[in-house]
Amino acid sequence: MRPIDQVGGDSVYVVQSLHSGPSESANDKLCRLLFFIGALKDAGAARVTAVVPYLCYARKDRRTKSSDPVTTRYIAEMFEAVGTDSIVTLEVHNPVAFENAFRCRTVTLTGTPLFVDYVRALKDDKFSVVSPDTGGAKRAELFREALEAVLGRPVAKAFADKHRSAGVVSGDLFVGDVAGATALVIDDLISTGGTLLRAARAARQAGARRVIALVTHGLFMAGSTDVLADPAIERLVVTDAVPAFRLPPGPLRDKIDILPAAPLLAEAIRRLHEGRSLADLLVF
């Protein structure tokens, strides 16, 4: 891959979401992106910003078993090795670990602005923001605060307990106020969907009137169709940072609302180029 236009002295923004499929693996896309960034720098680009809506391997940000890899750090080293000046992502699994892994500038956008606009249009009387596990409590709380500020009224909160070890998920604790409310379960991604479904069922049992899941990245791996079919989740809202190509057309697809991420990414690029603040887009 090479730039076919002159980029000498320019600020270049390369947009590439690093999810697997439908025709290339995450490794294929990562390798092409890294080589292209290197080619841009060799061609004289003054600055290269990698805009990566979904960053592969970012979920493994710490050791949980002996001799575990820490792939977030390895990915950071590869981007820096080819001369990347800054990297923009959308809803990384662990923002703190992501920022600490890189020495170049990092921008961690979230789906919060998109989800706040979606929820505001629902016009329900009572909302409760639910974190599907304690690890996502901060993400849920920041979303709840942003939603509360826009709506101008209190928004309740709750969280479900989850513990994962060797692929086995356990934990049944549910704490919070969801009775009679529209429960908004928020997470960074859906893989098989088991975590979301556990939280949705717990919210229903605690008296939630309806459950809407707000998830930035819809990976929809094997098993997720069974989760979508479960009546505990009324609607699932995702962004198009990862296309929903793994889901077949039909009733399950009709249960999903897909929000375009392009306006959020475009605004971030514009502000970066103009040297303006990104504070209201980060929500961290």
Protein backbone atom coordinates (compact mmCIF):
# COMPACT_ATOMS: atom_id res chain seq x y z
CA MET A 1 0.00 0.00 0.00
CA ARG A 2 1.20 3.50 -0.84
CA PRO A 3 -0.28 7.01 -0.96
CA ILE A 4 -1.14 8.01 -4.55
CA ASP A 5 -1.34 11.73 -3.63
CA GLN A 6 1.45 13.89 -2.30
CA VAL A 7 1.46 13.98 1.52
CA GLY A 8 4.73 15.80 2.16
CA GLY A 9 4.32 18.23 5.05
CA ASP A 10 0.67 17.25 5.56
CA SER A 11 -1.27 16.06 8.58
CA VAL A 12 -2.73 12.70 7.55
CA TYR A 13 -5.63 10.88 9.22
CA VAL A 14 -5.93 7.19 8.38
CA VAL A 15 -9.28 5.57 9.26
CA GLN A 16 -9.34 1.78 9.72
CA SER A 17 -11.43 -0.29 12.11
CA LEU A 18 -9.45 -3.38 13.14
CA HIS A 19 -12.17 -5.99 13.57
CA SER A 20 -12.02 -9.44 11.99
CA GLY A 21 -14.04 -10.06 8.82
CA PRO A 22 -15.94 -10.21 6.71
CA SER A 23 -13.13 -10.71 4.16
CA GLU A 24 -9.95 -9.98 6.16
CA SER A 25 -8.76 -10.93 9.62
CA ALA A 26 -7.81 -8.39 12.28
CA ASN A 27 -4.18 -9.37 11.64
CA ASP A 28 -4.53 -8.60 7.92
CA LYS A 29 -6.00 -5.18 8.62
CA LEU A 30 -3.48 -4.37 11.34
CA CYS A 31 -0.51 -5.28 9.13
CA ARG A 32 -1.80 -3.22 6.18
CA LEU A 33 -2.48 -0.24 8.44
CA LEU A 34 0.97 -0.32 10.05
CA PHE A 35 2.73 -0.64 6.68
CA PHE A 36 0.67 2.22 5.24
CA ILE A 37 1.47 4.51 8.18
CA GLY A 38 5.16 3.72 7.67
CA ALA A 39 4.82 4.54 3.96
CA LEU A 40 3.14 7.86 4.78
CA LYS A 41 5.97 8.85 7.10
CA ASP A 42 8.53 7.82 4.47
CA ALA A 43 6.65 9.98 1.96
CA GLY A 44 7.18 13.03 4.17
CA ALA A 45 3.89 13.31 6.08
CA ALA A 46 4.38 15.77 8.93
CA ARG A 47 1.97 13.96 11.27
CA VAL A 48 0.02 10.71 10.96
CA THR A 49 -3.00 10.03 13.14
CA ALA A 50 -4.45 6.52 13.16
CA VAL A 51 -8.22 6.69 13.62
CA VAL A 52 -9.11 3.17 14.77
CA PRO A 53 -12.78 2.91 15.83
CA TYR A 54 -12.28 -0.68 16.99
CA LEU A 55 -8.79 -1.55 18.20
CA CYS A 56 -7.95 -5.24 18.04
CA TYR A 57 -6.26 -6.99 20.98
CA ALA A 58 -7.10 -4.10 23.35
CA ARG A 59 -9.14 -6.29 25.71
CA LYS A 60 -6.02 -8.03 27.04
CA ASP A 61 -4.56 -5.16 29.05
CA ARG A 62 -3.23 -6.99 32.13
CA ARG A 63 -2.03 -10.39 33.26
CA THR A 64 -4.73 -12.55 34.83
CA LYS A 65 -2.74 -15.80 34.64
CA SER A 66 0.95 -16.60 34.93
CA SER A 67 2.95 -15.61 31.81
CA ASP A 68 -0.08 -13.99 30.15
CA PRO A 69 0.62 -11.65 27.22
CA VAL A 70 -0.29 -7.97 27.59
CA THR A 71 -1.32 -7.34 24.01
CA THR A 72 -2.38 -3.72 24.51
CA ARG A 73 1.26 -2.83 25.15
CA TYR A 74 2.52 -4.86 22.20
CA ILE A 75 0.06 -3.13 19.86
CA ALA A 76 1.22 0.25 21.17
CA GLU A 77 4.85 -0.61 20.45
CA MET A 78 4.01 -1.58 16.88
CA PHE A 79 2.12 1.65 16.15
CA GLU A 80 4.94 3.72 17.60
CA ALA A 81 7.60 1.74 15.69
CA VAL A 82 6.19 2.83 12.31
CA GLY A 83 6.01 6.48 13.37
CA THR A 84 2.39 6.98 14.40
CA ASP A 85 2.06 10.42 16.01
CA SER A 86 -1.33 9.91 17.64
CA ILE A 87 -4.08 7.30 17.79
CA VAL A 88 -7.84 7.81 18.11
CA THR A 89 -10.06 4.99 19.30
CA LEU A 90 -13.72 4.53 20.14
CA GLU A 91 -14.60 2.91 23.48
CA VAL A 92 -11.52 0.88 24.31
CA HIS A 93 -12.05 -1.81 26.93
CA ASN A 94 -9.84 -0.13 29.55
CA PRO A 95 -9.05 3.56 28.81
CA VAL A 96 -6.44 3.84 31.57
CA ALA A 97 -4.49 0.80 30.39
CA PHE A 98 -4.74 1.99 26.78
CA GLU A 99 -3.39 5.45 27.59
CA ASN A 100 -0.57 4.07 29.73
CA ALA A 101 0.50 1.65 26.97
CA PHE A 102 1.23 4.42 24.45
CA ARG A 103 3.91 7.09 24.55
CA CYS A 104 2.35 9.00 21.62
CA ARG A 105 -0.85 11.01 22.01
CA THR A 106 -4.00 8.96 22.59
CA VAL A 107 -7.63 10.04 22.16
CA THR A 108 -10.23 7.74 23.72
CA LEU A 109 -13.63 8.63 22.31
CA THR A 110 -16.75 7.01 23.78
CA GLY A 111 -20.17 6.16 22.44
CA THR A 112 -21.77 8.28 25.17
CA PRO A 113 -22.67 11.30 22.94
CA LEU A 114 -24.40 8.96 20.48
CA PHE A 115 -26.24 7.02 23.18
CA VAL A 116 -27.35 10.15 25.05
CA ASP A 117 -29.01 11.46 21.88
CA TYR A 118 -30.70 8.09 21.34
CA VAL A 119 -32.06 7.85 24.89
CA ARG A 120 -33.23 11.47 24.93
CA ALA A 121 -35.49 10.69 21.95
CA LEU A 122 -37.20 7.86 23.88
CA LYS A 123 -39.00 10.32 26.20
CA ASP A 124 -39.59 7.70 28.93
CA ASP A 125 -40.52 8.88 32.43
CA LYS A 126 -37.87 6.98 34.38
CA PHE A 127 -34.45 5.69 33.36
CA SER A 128 -31.91 3.62 35.26
CA VAL A 129 -28.37 3.07 33.97
CA VAL A 130 -27.08 -0.45 34.62
CA SER A 131 -23.48 -1.63 34.56
CA PRO A 132 -23.37 -5.35 33.63
CA ASP A 133 -20.31 -5.85 35.87
CA THR A 134 -18.37 -3.91 38.48
CA GLY A 135 -15.51 -3.31 36.02
CA GLY A 136 -17.80 -1.17 33.86
CA ALA A 137 -19.18 0.83 36.79
CA LYS A 138 -17.19 3.95 35.93
CA ARG A 139 -18.31 3.85 32.28
CA ALA A 140 -21.93 3.50 33.40
CA GLU A 141 -21.67 6.29 35.97
CA LEU A 142 -20.17 8.75 33.49
CA PHE A 143 -22.90 7.90 31.00
CA ARG A 144 -25.53 8.33 33.71
CA GLU A 145 -24.14 11.76 34.65
CA ALA A 146 -24.09 12.88 31.01
CA LEU A 147 -27.66 11.67 30.49
CA GLU A 148 -28.83 13.31 33.70
CA ALA A 149 -27.34 16.64 32.59
CA VAL A 150 -29.10 16.49 29.22
CA LEU A 151 -32.47 15.37 30.58
CA GLY A 152 -32.38 17.82 33.50
CA ARG A 153 -33.75 15.24 35.95
CA PRO A 154 -32.36 12.44 38.13
CA VAL A 155 -31.40 9.13 36.51
CA ALA A 156 -31.19 6.05 38.73
CA LYS A 157 -28.36 3.50 38.64
CA ALA A 158 -27.68 -0.17 39.28
CA PHE A 159 -25.01 -2.78 38.67
CA ALA A 160 -24.74 -6.54 38.33
CA ASP A 161 -21.89 -8.59 39.71
CA LYS A 162 -19.82 -10.79 37.40
CA HIS A 163 -16.66 -12.81 37.87
CA ARG A 164 -14.91 -14.51 34.96
CA SER A 165 -12.23 -17.19 35.39
CA ALA A 166 -11.05 -19.65 32.73
CA GLY A 167 -14.02 -18.66 30.58
CA VAL A 168 -16.59 -19.39 33.29
CA VAL A 169 -18.80 -16.50 34.43
CA SER A 170 -20.33 -16.48 37.91
CA GLY A 171 -22.01 -14.02 40.28
CA ASP A 172 -25.69 -13.26 40.94
CA LEU A 173 -25.65 -10.01 42.91
CA PHE A 174 -27.76 -7.13 41.56
CA VAL A 175 -27.90 -3.79 43.33
CA GLY A 176 -29.75 -0.61 42.40
CA ASP A 177 -33.06 1.02 41.52
CA VAL A 178 -34.71 -0.22 38.35
CA ALA A 179 -38.30 -0.80 39.51
CA GLY A 180 -40.73 0.62 36.94
CA ALA A 181 -37.87 2.09 34.90
CA THR A 182 -36.40 1.68 31.46
CA ALA A 183 -33.12 -0.04 32.33
CA LEU A 184 -30.22 1.04 30.11
CA VAL A 185 -27.50 -1.62 30.21
CA ILE A 186 -24.31 -0.05 28.86
CA ASP A 187 -21.12 -1.83 27.83
CA ASP A 188 -18.19 -1.41 25.47
CA LEU A 189 -18.89 -4.49 23.36
CA ILE A 190 -21.02 -7.57 22.87
CA SER A 191 -19.20 -10.78 21.96
CA THR A 192 -21.36 -13.79 22.79
CA GLY A 193 -23.74 -11.56 24.77
CA GLY A 194 -23.81 -13.61 27.95
CA THR A 195 -22.84 -10.70 30.18
CA LEU A 196 -25.56 -8.45 28.77
CA LEU A 197 -28.21 -11.12 29.09
CA ARG A 198 -27.35 -11.83 32.74
CA ALA A 199 -27.70 -8.12 33.53
CA ALA A 200 -30.94 -7.79 31.54
CA ARG A 201 -32.56 -10.74 33.30
CA ALA A 202 -31.46 -9.44 36.69
CA ALA A 203 -32.92 -6.01 35.90
CA ARG A 204 -36.22 -7.58 34.82
CA GLN A 205 -36.39 -9.60 38.04
CA ALA A 206 -35.76 -6.39 39.99
CA GLY A 207 -38.79 -4.78 38.36
CA ALA A 208 -37.50 -3.00 35.25
CA ARG A 209 -40.34 -2.17 32.86
CA ARG A 210 -38.14 -2.62 29.79
CA VAL A 211 -34.43 -3.22 29.10
CA ILE A 212 -32.43 -1.54 26.33
CA ALA A 213 -28.78 -2.49 25.84
CA LEU A 214 -26.39 0.22 24.63
CA VAL A 215 -23.17 -1.29 23.26
CA THR A 216 -20.55 0.49 21.20
CA HIS A 217 -19.06 -2.52 19.40
CA GLY A 218 -21.28 -5.35 18.18
CA LEU A 219 -18.97 -8.29 17.50
CA PHE A 220 -21.83 -10.83 17.58
CA MET A 221 -19.76 -13.99 17.92
CA ALA A 222 -21.21 -17.50 18.06
CA GLY A 223 -24.03 -17.70 20.60
CA SER A 224 -25.07 -14.07 20.39
CA THR A 225 -28.17 -14.86 18.31
CA ASP A 226 -29.60 -16.83 21.23
CA VAL A 227 -29.05 -13.83 23.47
CA LEU A 228 -30.77 -11.48 21.03
CA ALA A 229 -33.74 -13.81 20.85
CA ASP A 230 -34.26 -13.62 24.62
CA PRO A 231 -37.22 -11.37 25.54
CA ALA A 232 -35.34 -9.90 28.52
CA ILE A 233 -33.64 -7.46 26.09
CA GLU A 234 -36.20 -5.34 24.25
CA ARG A 235 -33.77 -3.41 22.02
CA LEU A 236 -30.04 -3.51 21.35
CA VAL A 237 -28.31 -0.33 20.22
CA VAL A 238 -24.84 -0.52 18.65
CA THR A 239 -22.63 1.69 16.50
CA ASP A 240 -21.41 0.77 13.02
CA ALA A 241 -17.74 0.88 14.09
CA VAL A 242 -17.96 -2.89 13.65
CA PRO A 243 -20.53 -3.80 10.94
CA ALA A 244 -23.11 -6.39 12.02
CA PHE A 245 -22.14 -8.74 9.19
CA ARG A 246 -22.30 -11.85 11.38
CA LEU A 247 -26.04 -11.47 12.01
CA PRO A 248 -28.41 -12.96 9.43
CA PRO A 249 -31.30 -10.82 8.17
CA GLY A 250 -34.60 -11.38 9.90
CA PRO A 251 -36.35 -10.69 13.21
CA LEU A 252 -33.12 -10.54 15.21
CA ARG A 253 -31.68 -7.79 13.00
CA ASP A 254 -34.95 -5.90 13.40
CA LYS A 255 -34.34 -5.82 17.16
CA ILE A 256 -31.13 -3.81 16.67
CA ASP A 257 -30.69 -0.07 16.14
CA ILE A 258 -27.38 0.84 14.50
CA LEU A 259 -26.00 4.33 15.10
CA PRO A 260 -23.46 5.82 12.66
CA ALA A 261 -20.11 6.62 14.28
CA ALA A 262 -18.89 8.76 11.35
CA PRO A 263 -20.21 12.12 12.69
CA LEU A 264 -18.42 11.57 16.02
CA LEU A 265 -15.15 10.56 14.33
CA ALA A 266 -15.37 13.44 11.87
CA GLU A 267 -15.88 15.97 14.65
CA ALA A 268 -12.91 14.56 16.54
CA ILE A 269 -10.69 14.82 13.45
CA ARG A 270 -11.82 18.39 12.80
CA ARG A 271 -11.05 19.46 16.35
CA LEU A 272 -7.68 17.71 16.34
CA HIS A 273 -6.74 19.46 13.11
CA GLU A 274 -7.85 22.84 14.48
CA GLY A 275 -6.25 22.30 17.89
CA ARG A 276 -9.59 22.52 19.72
CA SER A 277 -10.71 20.80 22.91
CA LEU A 278 -12.13 17.26 22.80
CA ALA A 279 -13.28 17.25 26.41
CA ASP A 280 -17.00 16.86 25.74
CA LEU A 281 -16.38 13.94 23.33
CA LEU A 282 -14.24 11.90 25.71
CA VAL A 283 -16.58 11.60 28.73
CA PHE A 284 -13.87 10.07 30.93
